[in-house]
C-alpha atoms as a PDB file:
ATOM      1  CA  MET A   1      35.504 -90.756 194.034  1.00  0.00           C
ATOM      2  CA  VAL A   2      32.000 -91.977 193.328  1.00  0.00           C
ATOM      3  CA  VAL A   3      31.616 -93.653 189.956  1.00  0.00           C
ATOM      4  CA  LYS A   4      28.517 -92.644 188.030  1.00  0.00           C
ATOM      5  CA  GLY A   5      27.555 -93.226 184.444  1.00  0.00           C
ATOM      6  CA  THR A   6      25.355 -94.887 181.879  1.00  0.00           C
ATOM      7  CA  ILE A   7      25.793 -98.665 182.024  1.00  0.00           C
ATOM      8  CA  PRO A   8      26.427 -99.228 178.272  1.00  0.00           C
ATOM      9  CA  PHE A   9      29.229 -96.626 178.372  1.00  0.00           C
ATOM     10  CA  LEU A  10      30.998 -97.862 181.506  1.00  0.00           C
ATOM     11  CA  ALA A  11      34.405 -99.445 181.025  1.00  0.00           C
ATOM     12  CA  PRO A  12      34.478-103.224 181.616  1.00  0.00           C
ATOM     13  CA  GLU A  13      36.796-102.921 184.614  1.00  0.00           C
ATOM     14  CA  LEU A  14      34.341-100.544 186.322  1.00  0.00           C
ATOM     15  CA  LEU A  15      31.478-102.952 185.765  1.00  0.00           C
ATOM     16  CA  ARG A  16      33.545-105.793 187.237  1.00  0.00           C
ATOM     17  CA  GLN A  17      34.443-103.664 190.275  1.00  0.00           C
ATOM     18  CA  MET A  18      30.827-102.634 190.782  1.00  0.00           C
ATOM     19  CA  LEU A  19      29.646-106.248 190.634  1.00  0.00           C
ATOM     20  CA  SER A  20      32.372-107.317 193.043  1.00  0.00           C
ATOM     21  CA  VAL A  21      31.424-104.605 195.544  1.00  0.00           C
ATOM     22  CA  GLU A  22      27.730-105.512 195.258  1.00  0.00           C
ATOM     23  CA  ASN A  23      28.484-109.188 195.822  1.00  0.00           C
ATOM     24  CA  HIS A  24      30.634-108.552 198.888  1.00  0.00           C
ATOM     25  CA  GLN A  25      28.662-105.608 200.304  1.00  0.00           C
ATOM     26  CA  ASP A  26      31.684-104.573 202.327  1.00  0.00           C
ATOM     27  CA  THR A  27      31.589-100.836 201.688  1.00  0.00           C
ATOM     28  CA  ASN A  28      30.564 -98.032 203.986  1.00  0.00           C
ATOM     29  CA  GLU A  29      27.179 -96.449 203.484  1.00  0.00           C
ATOM     30  CA  GLY A  30      27.354 -93.786 200.777  1.00  0.00           C
ATOM     31  CA  GLN A  31      30.607 -95.095 199.283  1.00  0.00           C
ATOM     32  CA  SER A  32      30.645 -97.147 196.098  1.00  0.00           C
ATOM     33  CA  GLY A  33      34.052 -98.726 196.727  1.00  0.00           C
ATOM     34  CA  VAL A  34      34.732 -98.423 192.990  1.00  0.00           C
ATOM     35  CA  ARG A  35      37.744 -96.385 191.891  1.00  0.00           C
ATOM     36  CA  GLY A  36      37.750 -94.541 188.598  1.00  0.00           C
ATOM     37  CA  HIS A  37      40.701 -93.814 186.301  1.00  0.00           C
ATOM     38  CA  ILE A  38      41.218 -91.607 183.228  1.00  0.00           C
ATOM     39  CA  SER A  39      41.312 -94.744 181.045  1.00  0.00           C
ATOM     40  CA  ASN A  40      37.684 -95.401 182.086  1.00  0.00           C
ATOM     41  CA  GLY A  41      36.797 -92.049 180.557  1.00  0.00           C
ATOM     42  CA  ILE A  42      38.701 -92.901 177.374  1.00  0.00           C
ATOM     43  CA  PHE A  43      36.538 -96.031 177.001  1.00  0.00           C
ATOM     44  CA  SER A  44      33.352 -94.002 177.505  1.00  0.00           C
ATOM     45  CA  LEU A  45      34.600 -91.366 175.070  1.00  0.00           C
ATOM     46  CA  GLY A  46      35.121 -94.100 172.472  1.00  0.00           C
ATOM     47  CA  CYS A  47      31.500 -95.210 172.945  1.00  0.00           C
ATOM     48  CA  VAL A  48      30.229 -91.637 172.597  1.00  0.00           C
ATOM     49  CA  PHE A  49      32.345 -90.985 169.471  1.00  0.00           C
ATOM     50  CA  TYR A  50      31.117 -94.221 167.933  1.00  0.00           C
ATOM     51  CA  ARG A  51      27.459 -93.463 168.614  1.00  0.00           C
ATOM     52  CA  PHE A  52      27.851 -89.940 167.280  1.00  0.00           C
ATOM     53  CA  LEU A  53      29.523 -91.142 164.069  1.00  0.00           C
ATOM     54  CA  THR A  54      27.072 -93.987 163.465  1.00  0.00           C
ATOM     55  CA  GLU A  55      23.811 -92.222 164.236  1.00  0.00           C
ATOM     56  CA  ASP A  56      23.281 -93.669 167.698  1.00  0.00           C
ATOM     57  CA  ARG A  57      24.435 -97.281 167.259  1.00  0.00           C
ATOM     58  CA  HIS A  58      26.349 -98.933 170.071  1.00  0.00           C
ATOM     59  CA  PRO A  59      29.894-100.086 169.134  1.00  0.00           C
ATOM     60  CA  PHE A  60      29.245-103.715 170.023  1.00  0.00           C
ATOM     61  CA  MET A  61      26.017-104.146 168.035  1.00  0.00           C
ATOM     62  CA  GLU A  62      25.748-106.201 164.832  1.00  0.00           C
ATOM     63  CA  GLY A  63      25.486-105.060 161.220  1.00  0.00           C
ATOM     64  CA  LEU A  64      28.354-102.796 160.232  1.00  0.00           C
ATOM     65  CA  GLY A  65      27.939-100.506 157.257  1.00  0.00           C
ATOM     66  CA  GLU A  66      30.497 -98.148 155.728  1.00  0.00           C
ATOM     67  CA  THR A  67      29.953 -95.503 158.423  1.00  0.00           C
ATOM     68  CA  GLN A  68      30.249 -98.061 161.199  1.00  0.00           C
ATOM     69  CA  THR A  69      33.494 -99.384 159.713  1.00  0.00           C
ATOM     70  CA  PHE A  70      34.971 -95.860 159.694  1.00  0.00           C
ATOM     71  CA  ALA A  71      33.771 -95.277 163.243  1.00  0.00           C
ATOM     72  CA  GLN A  72      35.296 -98.565 164.385  1.00  0.00           C
ATOM     73  CA  SER A  73      38.681 -97.667 162.943  1.00  0.00           C
ATOM     74  CA  LEU A  74      38.528 -94.289 164.691  1.00  0.00           C
ATOM     75  CA  THR A  75      37.382 -95.636 168.057  1.00  0.00           C
ATOM     76  CA  ARG A  76      38.907 -99.132 168.218  1.00  0.00           C
ATOM     77  CA  SER A  77      41.810 -98.187 170.496  1.00  0.00           C
ATOM     78  CA  ARG A  78      39.522 -96.345 172.909  1.00  0.00           C
ATOM     79  CA  LEU A  79      37.346 -99.419 173.363  1.00  0.00           C
ATOM     80  CA  LYS A  80      40.094-101.846 174.427  1.00  0.00           C
ATOM     81  CA  PRO A  81      38.894-104.069 177.296  1.00  0.00           C
ATOM     82  CA  ASP A  82      42.279-103.685 179.025  1.00  0.00           C
ATOM     83  CA  LYS A  83      42.525-100.142 180.414  1.00  0.00           C
ATOM     84  CA  ASP A  84      46.309-100.143 180.031  1.00  0.00           C
ATOM     85  CA  GLU A  85      45.947-100.600 176.256  1.00  0.00           C
ATOM     86  CA  ARG A  86      43.774 -97.487 175.817  1.00  0.00           C
ATOM     87  CA  PRO A  87      45.499 -94.360 174.484  1.00  0.00           C
ATOM     88  CA  GLN A  88      46.405 -91.345 176.572  1.00  0.00           C
ATOM     89  CA  ILE A  89      44.167 -88.298 176.080  1.00  0.00           C
ATOM     90  CA  ASN A  90      46.859 -86.400 174.114  1.00  0.00           C
ATOM     91  CA  LYS A  91      46.966 -89.291 171.592  1.00  0.00           C
ATOM     92  CA  VAL A  92      43.153 -89.173 171.292  1.00  0.00           C
ATOM     93  CA  LYS A  93      43.330 -85.436 170.578  1.00  0.00           C
ATOM     94  CA  GLN A  94      46.063 -85.938 167.972  1.00  0.00           C
ATOM     95  CA  GLU A  95      44.077 -88.674 166.175  1.00  0.00           C
ATOM     96  CA  MET A  96      40.893 -86.591 166.180  1.00  0.00           C
ATOM     97  CA  ASN A  97      42.718 -83.565 164.752  1.00  0.00           C
ATOM     98  CA  SER A  98      44.235 -85.765 162.048  1.00  0.00           C
ATOM     99  CA  HIS A  99      40.825 -87.133 161.007  1.00  0.00           C
ATOM    100  CA  LEU A 100      39.182 -83.709 161.090  1.00  0.00           C
ATOM    101  CA  ASN A 101      41.911 -82.119 158.972  1.00  0.00           C
ATOM    102  CA  ASN A 102      41.760 -84.784 156.221  1.00  0.00           C
END
């Protein structure tokens, strides 16, 4: 699996892997050596949700207003640095449905 994406939306563990591979340059030509996981997508999804809800602000920028505070509460679990602490996709769907129905 080749990992592609926009740098600000990449999960921290992917960035660390990419830097490690670059530093060691021990991969075959055409292979990134970086392995993706569904939890990486959950992190990116959290970033996208946050930007959508806050009119294009990044979740780790300064100056939180009321909208940013709501967006943080909705996306906080998706943005956990530890991939094992991020929710499963069915939990994300359940939380989104709950917020949309209230």
